Amino acid sequence: MFRILLVQGANLNYLGKRETAIYGTTTAAELDAMLREHARAQSYELDIFYTNLEGEAINRIYRAASEGVSGVVMNPGGFSYSGYALRDCVKSAGLPYVEIHISNLAKRGIHCVL
């Protein structure tokens, strides 16, 4: 079965509670439920991993590569600004990678280093 690892980066565990004008009021738990339902309906496995520590994200992505995960989807959150080590990990892991963001980074003047 197709298996995706979703990495939710720094500060995303606080969705629905912080800066709701930018990130909305949907909580992390509500988002997870929606994503798990989508995965079930589309017949793929989804592993959701939240972390506020870049090293934990790196370890989880390398573990995913050794576990045969089909690909990584990541919202780097706060790692967007300085996640150079995470960027190197993503390049080295050799997994298909899709990066997502909740807000429009260009509109907010943010450059993601990943």
Protein backbone atom coordinates (compact mmCIF):
# COMPACT_ATOMS: atom_id res chain seq x y z
CA MET A 1 0.00 0.00 0.00
CA PHE A 2 1.13 3.55 -0.76
CA ARG A 3 2.43 5.16 2.43
CA ILE A 4 2.98 8.88 3.04
CA LEU A 5 4.76 10.53 5.93
CA LEU A 6 3.40 13.97 6.79
CA VAL A 7 5.86 16.02 8.83
CA GLN A 8 4.28 18.97 10.60
CA GLY A 9 7.09 21.29 11.65
CA ALA A 10 7.68 23.87 14.32
CA ASN A 11 4.61 25.49 15.87
CA LEU A 12 2.07 23.49 13.86
CA ASN A 13 0.96 21.53 16.93
CA TYR A 14 -0.59 24.84 18.04
CA LEU A 15 -2.89 25.23 15.04
CA GLY A 16 -6.24 26.75 15.91
CA LYS A 17 -4.75 28.50 18.93
CA ARG A 18 -2.13 30.84 17.49
CA GLU A 19 -2.46 33.67 15.02
CA THR A 20 -5.88 32.51 13.88
CA ALA A 21 -6.11 35.44 11.45
CA ILE A 22 -3.27 33.81 9.48
CA TYR A 23 -3.64 30.09 10.23
CA GLY A 24 -7.37 29.73 10.90
CA THR A 25 -9.23 28.10 13.74
CA THR A 26 -8.92 24.46 12.70
CA THR A 27 -6.95 22.65 15.40
CA ALA A 28 -4.16 20.17 14.75
CA ALA A 29 -6.43 17.35 15.94
CA GLU A 30 -9.23 18.44 13.58
CA LEU A 31 -6.81 18.69 10.66
CA ASP A 32 -5.41 15.24 11.47
CA ALA A 33 -8.92 13.75 11.46
CA MET A 34 -9.66 15.28 8.04
CA LEU A 35 -6.36 14.04 6.62
CA ARG A 36 -6.80 10.52 8.02
CA GLU A 37 -10.30 10.34 6.53
CA HIS A 38 -8.91 11.41 3.15
CA ALA A 39 -6.20 8.76 3.37
CA ARG A 40 -8.76 6.10 4.24
CA ALA A 41 -11.07 7.14 1.40
CA GLN A 42 -8.19 7.16 -1.10
CA SER A 43 -6.67 3.89 0.21
CA TYR A 44 -3.25 5.03 1.32
CA GLU A 45 -1.50 4.94 4.69
CA LEU A 46 -0.74 8.26 6.37
CA ASP A 47 1.71 8.71 9.20
CA ILE A 48 1.47 12.19 10.77
CA PHE A 49 4.45 13.39 12.76
CA TYR A 50 4.55 16.70 14.65
CA THR A 51 7.77 18.13 16.02
CA ASN A 52 9.15 21.44 17.19
CA LEU A 53 12.71 20.13 16.97
CA GLU A 54 14.56 20.08 13.66
CA GLY A 55 16.69 17.10 14.66
CA GLU A 56 13.59 15.02 15.37
CA ALA A 57 12.25 15.85 11.91
CA ILE A 58 15.56 14.81 10.36
CA ASN A 59 15.60 11.52 12.26
CA ARG A 60 12.00 10.77 11.29
CA ILE A 61 12.61 11.41 7.58
CA TYR A 62 15.70 9.19 7.53
CA ARG A 63 13.74 6.49 9.37
CA ALA A 64 10.97 6.82 6.78
CA ALA A 65 13.50 6.22 4.00
CA SER A 66 14.69 3.02 5.65
CA GLU A 67 11.08 1.88 6.30
CA GLY A 68 10.10 2.09 2.66
CA VAL A 69 7.77 5.07 2.93
CA SER A 70 6.54 6.11 -0.52
CA GLY A 71 7.03 9.85 -0.02
CA VAL A 72 7.18 12.79 2.37
CA VAL A 73 4.83 15.74 2.58
CA MET A 74 6.04 18.47 4.90
CA ASN A 75 4.81 21.75 6.24
CA PRO A 76 8.07 22.98 7.76
CA GLY A 77 6.38 25.71 9.77
CA GLY A 78 9.04 27.54 11.77
CA PHE A 79 11.81 25.48 10.13
CA SER A 80 11.16 27.48 6.96
CA TYR A 81 13.51 30.24 8.09
CA SER A 82 16.62 28.29 9.06
CA GLY A 83 16.14 24.60 8.29
CA TYR A 84 19.32 24.11 6.29
CA ALA A 85 20.12 20.79 7.99
CA LEU A 86 16.57 19.66 7.31
CA ARG A 87 16.97 20.69 3.67
CA ASP A 88 20.09 18.55 3.40
CA CYS A 89 18.21 15.61 4.93
CA VAL A 90 15.35 15.91 2.45
CA LYS A 91 17.83 15.92 -0.43
CA SER A 92 19.78 12.95 0.98
CA ALA A 93 16.82 10.74 1.93
CA GLY A 94 15.94 10.18 -1.72
CA LEU A 95 12.18 10.17 -1.16
CA PRO A 96 9.67 12.06 -3.27
CA TYR A 97 9.03 15.30 -1.39
CA VAL A 98 6.20 17.81 -1.47
CA GLU A 99 6.31 20.97 0.61
CA ILE A 100 3.12 22.67 1.72
CA HIS A 101 2.31 25.84 3.67
CA ILE A 102 -0.88 27.10 5.22
CA SER A 103 -0.24 30.72 4.38
CA ASN A 104 1.16 32.46 1.31
CA LEU A 105 4.86 32.86 2.16
CA ALA A 106 5.56 35.22 -0.72
CA LYS A 107 2.76 37.52 0.37
CA ARG A 108 4.18 37.49 3.90
CA GLY A 109 7.75 38.20 2.69
CA ILE A 110 9.10 34.86 3.91
CA HIS A 111 11.70 32.87 2.01
CA CYS A 112 11.73 29.16 2.82
CA VAL A 113 15.26 27.73 2.85
CA LEU A 114 14.00 24.23 2.16
